[in-house]
Each structure stands twice: as C-alpha cells, then as structure tokens.
Amino acid sequence: MTPEKHIKHGNEFPFDESQEWWNDSGRKASKPKDRAHSGARGIVAALQARQGIKHELSQQKIDEETRREIVDELAAIIREASAHR
C-alpha cells in the first residue's frame, strides 16, 4: 500500500476510535484533529498490515485509552519532527 492509502485507511478505520464505534455503532469515524493525527493513524494502519504485528495491534487486545495514547504520542512525534525540519 502507498502512504496515501495507509492514511486513508487509518482515517476510515481509526485505531483511536471508541470501543463503541468498533462494536458497530453505525456512526461515522471521527475526523483527524490535524495532519499529524491523520499521519499517526496512517502509521498504525501500516503497522496493522504487517504480519506479526497486526494481531498485537488489534482493538480487542488494546484498551480504548491505550489506543488513543498511542495515536496521540505518534502525532506528537510527527508534530515535533515537522517543527525541526
């Protein structure tokens, strides 16, 4: 998959979305807060596509709060890296 496709997939099926959403609430996925948040979701989507990692990064194995923390931390790293080009 291309980076663009990972980002699109990550925003369509956000790792940091609520467990209620993942249990099929019928609501649309929340929009990313900014480009870094969108990129973080794309990174997680890329990791979930990799053999050996994808099963460990499942919504069933990681609680909602931890999923949000992971995406928020990745987004913060992306923001920091972007600020120091």
PDB file of N, CA and C in Angstrom:
ATOM      1  N   MET A   1       0.837  -1.190   0.000  1.00  0.00           N
ATOM      2  CA  MET A   1       0.000   0.000   0.000  1.00  0.00           C
ATOM      3  C   MET A   1       0.879   1.249   0.000  1.00  0.00           C
ATOM      4  N   THR A   2       0.368   2.287  -0.552  1.00  0.00           N
ATOM      5  CA  THR A   2       1.089   3.560  -0.563  1.00  0.00           C
ATOM      6  C   THR A   2       0.830   4.310   0.747  1.00  0.00           C
ATOM      7  N   PRO A   3       1.686   5.268   1.084  1.00  0.00           N
ATOM      8  CA  PRO A   3       1.429   6.072   2.275  1.00  0.00           C
ATOM      9  C   PRO A   3       0.041   6.723   2.247  1.00  0.00           C
ATOM     10  N   GLU A   4      -0.352   7.221   1.082  1.00  0.00           N
ATOM     11  CA  GLU A   4      -1.673   7.854   0.945  1.00  0.00           C
ATOM     12  C   GLU A   4      -2.794   6.868   1.285  1.00  0.00           C
ATOM     13  N   LYS A   5      -2.664   5.629   0.825  1.00  0.00           N
ATOM     14  CA  LYS A   5      -3.688   4.619   1.105  1.00  0.00           C
ATOM     15  C   LYS A   5      -3.704   4.233   2.585  1.00  0.00           C
ATOM     16  N   HIS A   6      -2.531   4.170   3.213  1.00  0.00           N
ATOM     17  CA  HIS A   6      -2.490   3.878   4.650  1.00  0.00           C
ATOM     18  C   HIS A   6      -3.191   4.986   5.442  1.00  0.00           C
ATOM     19  N   ILE A   7      -2.935   6.226   5.061  1.00  0.00           N
ATOM     20  CA  ILE A   7      -3.579   7.352   5.744  1.00  0.00           C
ATOM     21  C   ILE A   7      -5.087   7.289   5.552  1.00  0.00           C
ATOM     22  N   LYS A   8      -5.520   7.048   4.327  1.00  0.00           N
ATOM     23  CA  LYS A   8      -6.960   6.958   4.058  1.00  0.00           C
ATOM     24  C   LYS A   8      -7.584   5.835   4.884  1.00  0.00           C
ATOM     25  N   HIS A   9      -6.938   4.682   4.885  1.00  0.00           N
ATOM     26  CA  HIS A   9      -7.456   3.540   5.643  1.00  0.00           C
ATOM     27  C   HIS A   9      -7.458   3.842   7.146  1.00  0.00           C
ATOM     28  N   GLY A  10      -6.389   4.464   7.621  1.00  0.00           N
ATOM     29  CA  GLY A  10      -6.301   4.810   9.030  1.00  0.00           C
ATOM     30  C   GLY A  10      -7.378   5.776   9.484  1.00  0.00           C
ATOM     31  N   ASN A  11      -7.815   6.654   8.599  1.00  0.00           N
ATOM     32  CA  ASN A  11      -8.886   7.595   8.935  1.00  0.00           C
ATOM     33  C   ASN A  11     -10.275   6.999   8.744  1.00  0.00           C
ATOM     34  N   GLU A  12     -10.395   6.005   7.893  1.00  0.00           N
ATOM     35  CA  GLU A  12     -11.683   5.309   7.733  1.00  0.00           C
ATOM     36  C   GLU A  12     -11.927   4.334   8.875  1.00  0.00           C
ATOM     37  N   PHE A  13     -10.843   3.749   9.385  1.00  0.00           N
ATOM     38  CA  PHE A  13     -10.926   2.776  10.479  1.00  0.00           C
ATOM     39  C   PHE A  13      -9.915   3.178  11.564  1.00  0.00           C
ATOM     40  N   PRO A  14     -10.197   4.295  12.264  1.00  0.00           N
ATOM     41  CA  PRO A  14      -9.226   4.845  13.202  1.00  0.00           C
ATOM     42  C   PRO A  14      -8.960   3.947  14.412  1.00  0.00           C
ATOM     43  N   PHE A  15      -7.703   3.622  14.616  1.00  0.00           N
ATOM     44  CA  PHE A  15      -7.266   2.815  15.742  1.00  0.00           C
ATOM     45  C   PHE A  15      -7.674   3.461  17.062  1.00  0.00           C
ATOM     46  N   ASP A  16      -7.709   4.784  17.099  1.00  0.00           N
ATOM     47  CA  ASP A  16      -8.015   5.514  18.323  1.00  0.00           C
ATOM     48  C   ASP A  16      -9.505   5.789  18.521  1.00  0.00           C
ATOM     49  N   GLU A  17     -10.343   5.201  17.682  1.00  0.00           N
ATOM     50  CA  GLU A  17     -11.793   5.390  17.835  1.00  0.00           C
ATOM     51  C   GLU A  17     -12.283   4.607  19.054  1.00  0.00           C
ATOM     52  N   SER A  18     -13.455   4.975  19.559  1.00  0.00           N
ATOM     53  CA  SER A  18     -14.005   4.347  20.762  1.00  0.00           C
ATOM     54  C   SER A  18     -14.380   2.879  20.521  1.00  0.00           C
ATOM     55  N   GLN A  19     -14.420   2.141  21.606  1.00  0.00           N
ATOM     56  CA  GLN A  19     -14.812   0.730  21.507  1.00  0.00           C
ATOM     57  C   GLN A  19     -16.252   0.619  21.018  1.00  0.00           C
ATOM     58  N   GLU A  20     -17.095   1.555  21.415  1.00  0.00           N
ATOM     59  CA  GLU A  20     -18.490   1.577  20.945  1.00  0.00           C
ATOM     60  C   GLU A  20     -18.534   1.665  19.419  1.00  0.00           C
ATOM     61  N   TRP A  21     -17.681   2.537  18.864  1.00  0.00           N
ATOM     62  CA  TRP A  21     -17.628   2.666  17.411  1.00  0.00           C
ATOM     63  C   TRP A  21     -17.177   1.354  16.781  1.00  0.00           C
ATOM     64  N   TRP A  22     -16.142   0.753  17.353  1.00  0.00           N
ATOM     65  CA  TRP A  22     -15.639  -0.511  16.809  1.00  0.00           C
ATOM     66  C   TRP A  22     -16.665  -1.622  16.928  1.00  0.00           C
ATOM     67  N   ASN A  23     -17.554  -1.521  17.901  1.00  0.00           N
ATOM     68  CA  ASN A  23     -18.612  -2.528  18.060  1.00  0.00           C
ATOM     69  C   ASN A  23     -19.803  -2.224  17.170  1.00  0.00           C
ATOM     70  N   ASP A  24     -19.605  -1.368  16.149  1.00  0.00           N
ATOM     71  CA  ASP A  24     -20.597  -1.066  15.123  1.00  0.00           C
ATOM     72  C   ASP A  24     -21.741  -0.209  15.639  1.00  0.00           C
ATOM     73  N   SER A  25     -21.411   0.990  16.035  1.00  0.00           N
ATOM     74  CA  SER A  25     -22.432   1.926  16.488  1.00  0.00           C
ATOM     75  C   SER A  25     -23.181   2.543  15.314  1.00  0.00           C
ATOM     76  N   GLY A  26     -22.643   2.413  14.110  1.00  0.00           N
ATOM     77  CA  GLY A  26     -23.273   2.985  12.932  1.00  0.00           C
ATOM     78  C   GLY A  26     -22.877   4.438  12.684  1.00  0.00           C
ATOM     79  N   ARG A  27     -22.084   5.017  13.576  1.00  0.00           N
ATOM     80  CA  ARG A  27     -21.623   6.399  13.398  1.00  0.00           C
ATOM     81  C   ARG A  27     -20.423   6.438  12.469  1.00  0.00           C
ATOM     82  N   LYS A  28     -20.230   7.602  11.853  1.00  0.00           N
ATOM     83  CA  LYS A  28     -19.037   7.805  11.045  1.00  0.00           C
ATOM     84  C   LYS A  28     -17.834   7.942  11.957  1.00  0.00           C
ATOM     85  N   ALA A  29     -16.696   7.605  11.445  1.00  0.00           N
ATOM     86  CA  ALA A  29     -15.456   7.748  12.207  1.00  0.00           C
ATOM     87  C   ALA A  29     -15.169   9.226  12.446  1.00  0.00           C
ATOM     88  N   SER A  30     -14.549   9.528  13.576  1.00  0.00           N
ATOM     89  CA  SER A  30     -14.197  10.913  13.874  1.00  0.00           C
ATOM     90  C   SER A  30     -13.107  11.390  12.921  1.00  0.00           C
ATOM     91  N   LYS A  31     -13.150  12.667  12.606  1.00  0.00           N
ATOM     92  CA  LYS A  31     -12.144  13.239  11.714  1.00  0.00           C
ATOM     93  C   LYS A  31     -10.852  13.454  12.495  1.00  0.00           C
ATOM     94  N   PRO A  32      -9.716  13.371  11.800  1.00  0.00           N
ATOM     95  CA  PRO A  32      -8.448  13.627  12.486  1.00  0.00           C
ATOM     96  C   PRO A  32      -8.374  15.093  12.934  1.00  0.00           C
ATOM     97  N   LYS A  33      -7.658  15.320  14.043  1.00  0.00           N
ATOM     98  CA  LYS A  33      -7.524  16.667  14.601  1.00  0.00           C
ATOM     99  C   LYS A  33      -6.687  17.566  13.705  1.00  0.00           C
ATOM    100  N   ASP A  34      -5.680  16.987  13.054  1.00  0.00           N
ATOM    101  CA  ASP A  34      -4.785  17.734  12.178  1.00  0.00           C
ATOM    102  C   ASP A  34      -4.012  16.741  11.319  1.00  0.00           C
ATOM    103  N   ARG A  35      -3.080  17.236  10.539  1.00  0.00           N
ATOM    104  CA  ARG A  35      -2.299  16.365   9.641  1.00  0.00           C
ATOM    105  C   ARG A  35      -1.475  15.337  10.407  1.00  0.00           C
ATOM    106  N   ALA A  36      -0.922  15.756  11.541  1.00  0.00           N
ATOM    107  CA  ALA A  36      -0.104  14.831  12.336  1.00  0.00           C
ATOM    108  C   ALA A  36      -0.961  13.686  12.871  1.00  0.00           C
ATOM    109  N   HIS A  37      -2.171  13.999  13.306  1.00  0.00           N
ATOM    110  CA  HIS A  37      -3.092  12.971  13.807  1.00  0.00           C
ATOM    111  C   HIS A  37      -3.452  12.007  12.675  1.00  0.00           C
ATOM    112  N   SER A  38      -3.715  12.558  11.497  1.00  0.00           N
ATOM    113  CA  SER A  38      -4.017  11.742  10.329  1.00  0.00           C
ATOM    114  C   SER A  38      -2.826  10.846   9.978  1.00  0.00           C
ATOM    115  N   GLY A  39      -1.621  11.412  10.041  1.00  0.00           N
ATOM    116  CA  GLY A  39      -0.410  10.636   9.777  1.00  0.00           C
ATOM    117  C   GLY A  39      -0.200   9.526  10.790  1.00  0.00           C
ATOM    118  N   ALA A  40      -0.471   9.830  12.055  1.00  0.00           N
ATOM    119  CA  ALA A  40      -0.331   8.811  13.110  1.00  0.00           C
ATOM    120  C   ALA A  40      -1.289   7.650  12.866  1.00  0.00           C
ATOM    121  N   ARG A  41      -2.508   7.969  12.470  1.00  0.00           N
ATOM    122  CA  ARG A  41      -3.465   6.909  12.139  1.00  0.00           C
ATOM    123  C   ARG A  41      -2.961   6.091  10.960  1.00  0.00           C
ATOM    124  N   GLY A  42      -2.361   6.757   9.987  1.00  0.00           N
ATOM    125  CA  GLY A  42      -1.806   6.055   8.831  1.00  0.00           C
ATOM    126  C   GLY A  42      -0.658   5.136   9.203  1.00  0.00           C
ATOM    127  N   ILE A  43       0.180   5.570  10.135  1.00  0.00           N
ATOM    128  CA  ILE A  43       1.290   4.739  10.600  1.00  0.00           C
ATOM    129  C   ILE A  43       0.761   3.481  11.272  1.00  0.00           C
ATOM    130  N   VAL A  44      -0.242   3.637  12.126  1.00  0.00           N
ATOM    131  CA  VAL A  44      -0.822   2.466  12.788  1.00  0.00           C
ATOM    132  C   VAL A  44      -1.445   1.537  11.748  1.00  0.00           C
ATOM    133  N   ALA A  45      -2.131   2.100  10.754  1.00  0.00           N
ATOM    134  CA  ALA A  45      -2.722   1.267   9.696  1.00  0.00           C
ATOM    135  C   ALA A  45      -1.632   0.496   8.954  1.00  0.00           C
ATOM    136  N   ALA A  46      -0.505   1.141   8.702  1.00  0.00           N
ATOM    137  CA  ALA A  46       0.611   0.459   8.025  1.00  0.00           C
ATOM    138  C   ALA A  46       1.154  -0.670   8.887  1.00  0.00           C
ATOM    139  N   LEU A  47       1.292  -0.424  10.187  1.00  0.00           N
ATOM    140  CA  LEU A  47       1.774  -1.470  11.089  1.00  0.00           C
ATOM    141  C   LEU A  47       0.781  -2.629  11.179  1.00  0.00           C
ATOM    142  N   GLN A  48      -0.508  -2.304  11.159  1.00  0.00           N
ATOM    143  CA  GLN A  48      -1.527  -3.351  11.238  1.00  0.00           C
ATOM    144  C   GLN A  48      -1.545  -4.226   9.986  1.00  0.00           C
ATOM    145  N   ALA A  49      -0.961  -3.760   8.916  1.00  0.00           N
ATOM    146  CA  ALA A  49      -0.902  -4.543   7.682  1.00  0.00           C
ATOM    147  C   ALA A  49       0.289  -5.506   7.657  1.00  0.00           C
ATOM    148  N   ARG A  50       1.136  -5.421   8.679  1.00  0.00           N
ATOM    149  CA  ARG A  50       2.346  -6.251   8.714  1.00  0.00           C
ATOM    150  C   ARG A  50       2.132  -7.526   9.514  1.00  0.00           C
ATOM    151  N   GLN A  51       2.559  -8.615   8.917  1.00  0.00           N
ATOM    152  CA  GLN A  51       2.484  -9.913   9.577  1.00  0.00           C
ATOM    153  C   GLN A  51       3.245  -9.874  10.891  1.00  0.00           C
ATOM    154  N   GLY A  52       2.687 -10.443  11.926  1.00  0.00           N
ATOM    155  CA  GLY A  52       3.348 -10.499  13.215  1.00  0.00           C
ATOM    156  C   GLY A  52       3.023  -9.332  14.118  1.00  0.00           C
ATOM    157  N   ILE A  53       2.701  -8.186  13.532  1.00  0.00           N
ATOM    158  CA  ILE A  53       2.346  -7.006  14.323  1.00  0.00           C
ATOM    159  C   ILE A  53       0.837  -6.813  14.347  1.00  0.00           C
ATOM    160  N   LYS A  54       0.189  -7.105  13.230  1.00  0.00           N
ATOM    161  CA  LYS A  54      -1.227  -6.779  13.103  1.00  0.00           C
ATOM    162  C   LYS A  54      -2.093  -7.406  14.187  1.00  0.00           C
ATOM    163  N   HIS A  55      -1.780  -8.593  14.608  1.00  0.00           N
ATOM    164  CA  HIS A  55      -2.603  -9.240  15.631  1.00  0.00           C
ATOM    165  C   HIS A  55      -2.380  -8.620  17.005  1.00  0.00           C
ATOM    166  N   GLU A  56      -1.189  -8.113  17.236  1.00  0.00           N
ATOM    167  CA  GLU A  56      -0.902  -7.453  18.511  1.00  0.00           C
ATOM    168  C   GLU A  56      -1.544  -6.072  18.585  1.00  0.00           C
ATOM    169  N   LEU A  57      -1.744  -5.439  17.425  1.00  0.00           N
ATOM    170  CA  LEU A  57      -2.359  -4.116  17.378  1.00  0.00           C
ATOM    171  C   LEU A  57      -3.848  -4.205  17.051  1.00  0.00           C
ATOM    172  N   SER A  58      -4.533  -5.120  17.658  1.00  0.00           N
ATOM    173  CA  SER A  58      -5.969  -5.235  17.407  1.00  0.00           C
ATOM    174  C   SER A  58      -6.747  -4.487  18.480  1.00  0.00           C
ATOM    175  N   GLN A  59      -7.916  -4.034  18.120  1.00  0.00           N
ATOM    176  CA  GLN A  59      -8.762  -3.298  19.046  1.00  0.00           C
ATOM    177  C   GLN A  59      -9.191  -4.179  20.218  1.00  0.00           C
ATOM    178  N   GLN A  60      -9.242  -5.483  20.005  1.00  0.00           N
ATOM    179  CA  GLN A  60      -9.644  -6.402  21.065  1.00  0.00           C
ATOM    180  C   GLN A  60      -8.539  -6.582  22.106  1.00  0.00           C
ATOM    181  N   LYS A  61      -7.280  -6.430  21.722  1.00  0.00           N
ATOM    182  CA  LYS A  61      -6.162  -6.666  22.637  1.00  0.00           C
ATOM    183  C   LYS A  61      -5.741  -5.415  23.398  1.00  0.00           C
ATOM    184  N   ILE A  62      -6.011  -4.243  22.841  1.00  0.00           N
ATOM    185  CA  ILE A  62      -5.554  -2.990  23.447  1.00  0.00           C
ATOM    186  C   ILE A  62      -6.769  -2.153  23.810  1.00  0.00           C
ATOM    187  N   ASP A  63      -6.817  -1.709  25.059  1.00  0.00           N
ATOM    188  CA  ASP A  63      -7.987  -0.942  25.503  1.00  0.00           C
ATOM    189  C   ASP A  63      -8.032   0.433  24.830  1.00  0.00           C
ATOM    190  N   GLU A  64      -9.217   1.011  24.865  1.00  0.00           N
ATOM    191  CA  GLU A  64      -9.503   2.269  24.179  1.00  0.00           C
ATOM    192  C   GLU A  64      -8.554   3.394  24.612  1.00  0.00           C
ATOM    193  N   GLU A  65      -8.322   3.541  25.893  1.00  0.00           N
ATOM    194  CA  GLU A  65      -7.454   4.609  26.390  1.00  0.00           C
ATOM    195  C   GLU A  65      -6.031   4.454  25.865  1.00  0.00           C
ATOM    196  N   THR A  66      -5.528   3.247  25.870  1.00  0.00           N
ATOM    197  CA  THR A  66      -4.163   2.992  25.390  1.00  0.00           C
ATOM    198  C   THR A  66      -4.067   3.231  23.890  1.00  0.00           C
ATOM    199  N   ARG A  67      -5.084   2.847  23.140  1.00  0.00           N
ATOM    200  CA  ARG A  67      -5.089   3.102  21.687  1.00  0.00           C
ATOM    201  C   ARG A  67      -4.999   4.597  21.415  1.00  0.00           C
ATOM    202  N   ARG A  68      -5.774   5.382  22.160  1.00  0.00           N
ATOM    203  CA  ARG A  68      -5.726   6.840  21.984  1.00  0.00           C
ATOM    204  C   ARG A  68      -4.348   7.388  22.346  1.00  0.00           C
ATOM    205  N   GLU A  69      -3.771   6.891  23.430  1.00  0.00           N
ATOM    206  CA  GLU A  69      -2.437   7.344  23.849  1.00  0.00           C
ATOM    207  C   GLU A  69      -1.392   7.046  22.774  1.00  0.00           C
ATOM    208  N   ILE A  70      -1.476   5.886  22.162  1.00  0.00           N
ATOM    209  CA  ILE A  70      -0.521   5.507  21.113  1.00  0.00           C
ATOM    210  C   ILE A  70      -0.616   6.477  19.944  1.00  0.00           C
ATOM    211  N   VAL A  71      -1.829   6.736  19.468  1.00  0.00           N
ATOM    212  CA  VAL A  71      -2.014   7.630  18.322  1.00  0.00           C
ATOM    213  C   VAL A  71      -1.615   9.058  18.699  1.00  0.00           C
ATOM    214  N   ASP A  72      -1.986   9.515  19.901  1.00  0.00           N
ATOM    215  CA  ASP A  72      -1.609  10.864  20.337  1.00  0.00           C
ATOM    216  C   ASP A  72      -0.098  11.024  20.424  1.00  0.00           C
ATOM    217  N   GLU A  73       0.591  10.004  20.920  1.00  0.00           N
ATOM    218  CA  GLU A  73       2.049  10.076  21.040  1.00  0.00           C
ATOM    219  C   GLU A  73       2.714  10.090  19.663  1.00  0.00           C
ATOM    220  N   LEU A  74       2.230   9.261  18.764  1.00  0.00           N
ATOM    221  CA  LEU A  74       2.770   9.280  17.396  1.00  0.00           C
ATOM    222  C   LEU A  74       2.537  10.642  16.749  1.00  0.00           C
ATOM    223  N   ALA A  75       1.351  11.210  16.929  1.00  0.00           N
ATOM    224  CA  ALA A  75       1.041  12.524  16.359  1.00  0.00           C
ATOM    225  C   ALA A  75       1.969  13.593  16.947  1.00  0.00           C
ATOM    226  N   ALA A  76       2.238  13.525  18.245  1.00  0.00           N
ATOM    227  CA  ALA A  76       3.142  14.483  18.884  1.00  0.00           C
ATOM    228  C   ALA A  76       4.551  14.384  18.310  1.00  0.00           C
ATOM    229  N   ILE A  77       4.999  13.159  18.063  1.00  0.00           N
ATOM    230  CA  ILE A  77       6.323  12.947  17.468  1.00  0.00           C
ATOM    231  C   ILE A  77       6.369  13.533  16.064  1.00  0.00           C
ATOM    232  N   ILE A  78       5.315  13.309  15.290  1.00  0.00           N
ATOM    233  CA  ILE A  78       5.249  13.862  13.931  1.00  0.00           C
ATOM    234  C   ILE A  78       5.267  15.387  13.974  1.00  0.00           C
ATOM    235  N   ARG A  79       4.504  15.989  14.892  1.00  0.00           N
ATOM    236  CA  ARG A  79       4.495  17.445  15.028  1.00  0.00           C
ATOM    237  C   ARG A  79       5.891  17.976  15.373  1.00  0.00           C
ATOM    238  N   GLU A  80       6.544  17.305  16.314  1.00  0.00           N
ATOM    239  CA  GLU A  80       7.884  17.734  16.732  1.00  0.00           C
ATOM    240  C   GLU A  80       8.861  17.629  15.563  1.00  0.00           C
ATOM    241  N   ALA A  81       8.810  16.539  14.846  1.00  0.00           N
ATOM    242  CA  ALA A  81       9.704  16.353  13.699  1.00  0.00           C
ATOM    243  C   ALA A  81       9.430  17.424  12.626  1.00  0.00           C
ATOM    244  N   SER A  82       8.184  17.761  12.417  1.00  0.00           N
ATOM    245  CA  SER A  82       7.823  18.769  11.415  1.00  0.00           C
ATOM    246  C   SER A  82       8.305  20.157  11.806  1.00  0.00           C
ATOM    247  N   ALA A  83       8.381  20.406  13.113  1.00  0.00           N
ATOM    248  CA  ALA A  83       8.808  21.720  13.597  1.00  0.00           C
ATOM    249  C   ALA A  83      10.323  21.908  13.447  1.00  0.00           C
ATOM    250  N   HIS A  84      11.059  20.821  13.291  1.00  0.00           N
ATOM    251  CA  HIS A  84      12.524  20.885  13.226  1.00  0.00           C
ATOM    252  C   HIS A  84      13.066  20.419  11.883  1.00  0.00           C
ATOM    253  N   ARG A  85      12.442  20.832  10.826  1.00  0.00           N
ATOM    254  CA  ARG A  85      12.898  20.435   9.501  1.00  0.00           C
ATOM    255  C   ARG A  85      14.214  21.044   9.151  1.00  0.00           C
TER     256      ARG A  85
END
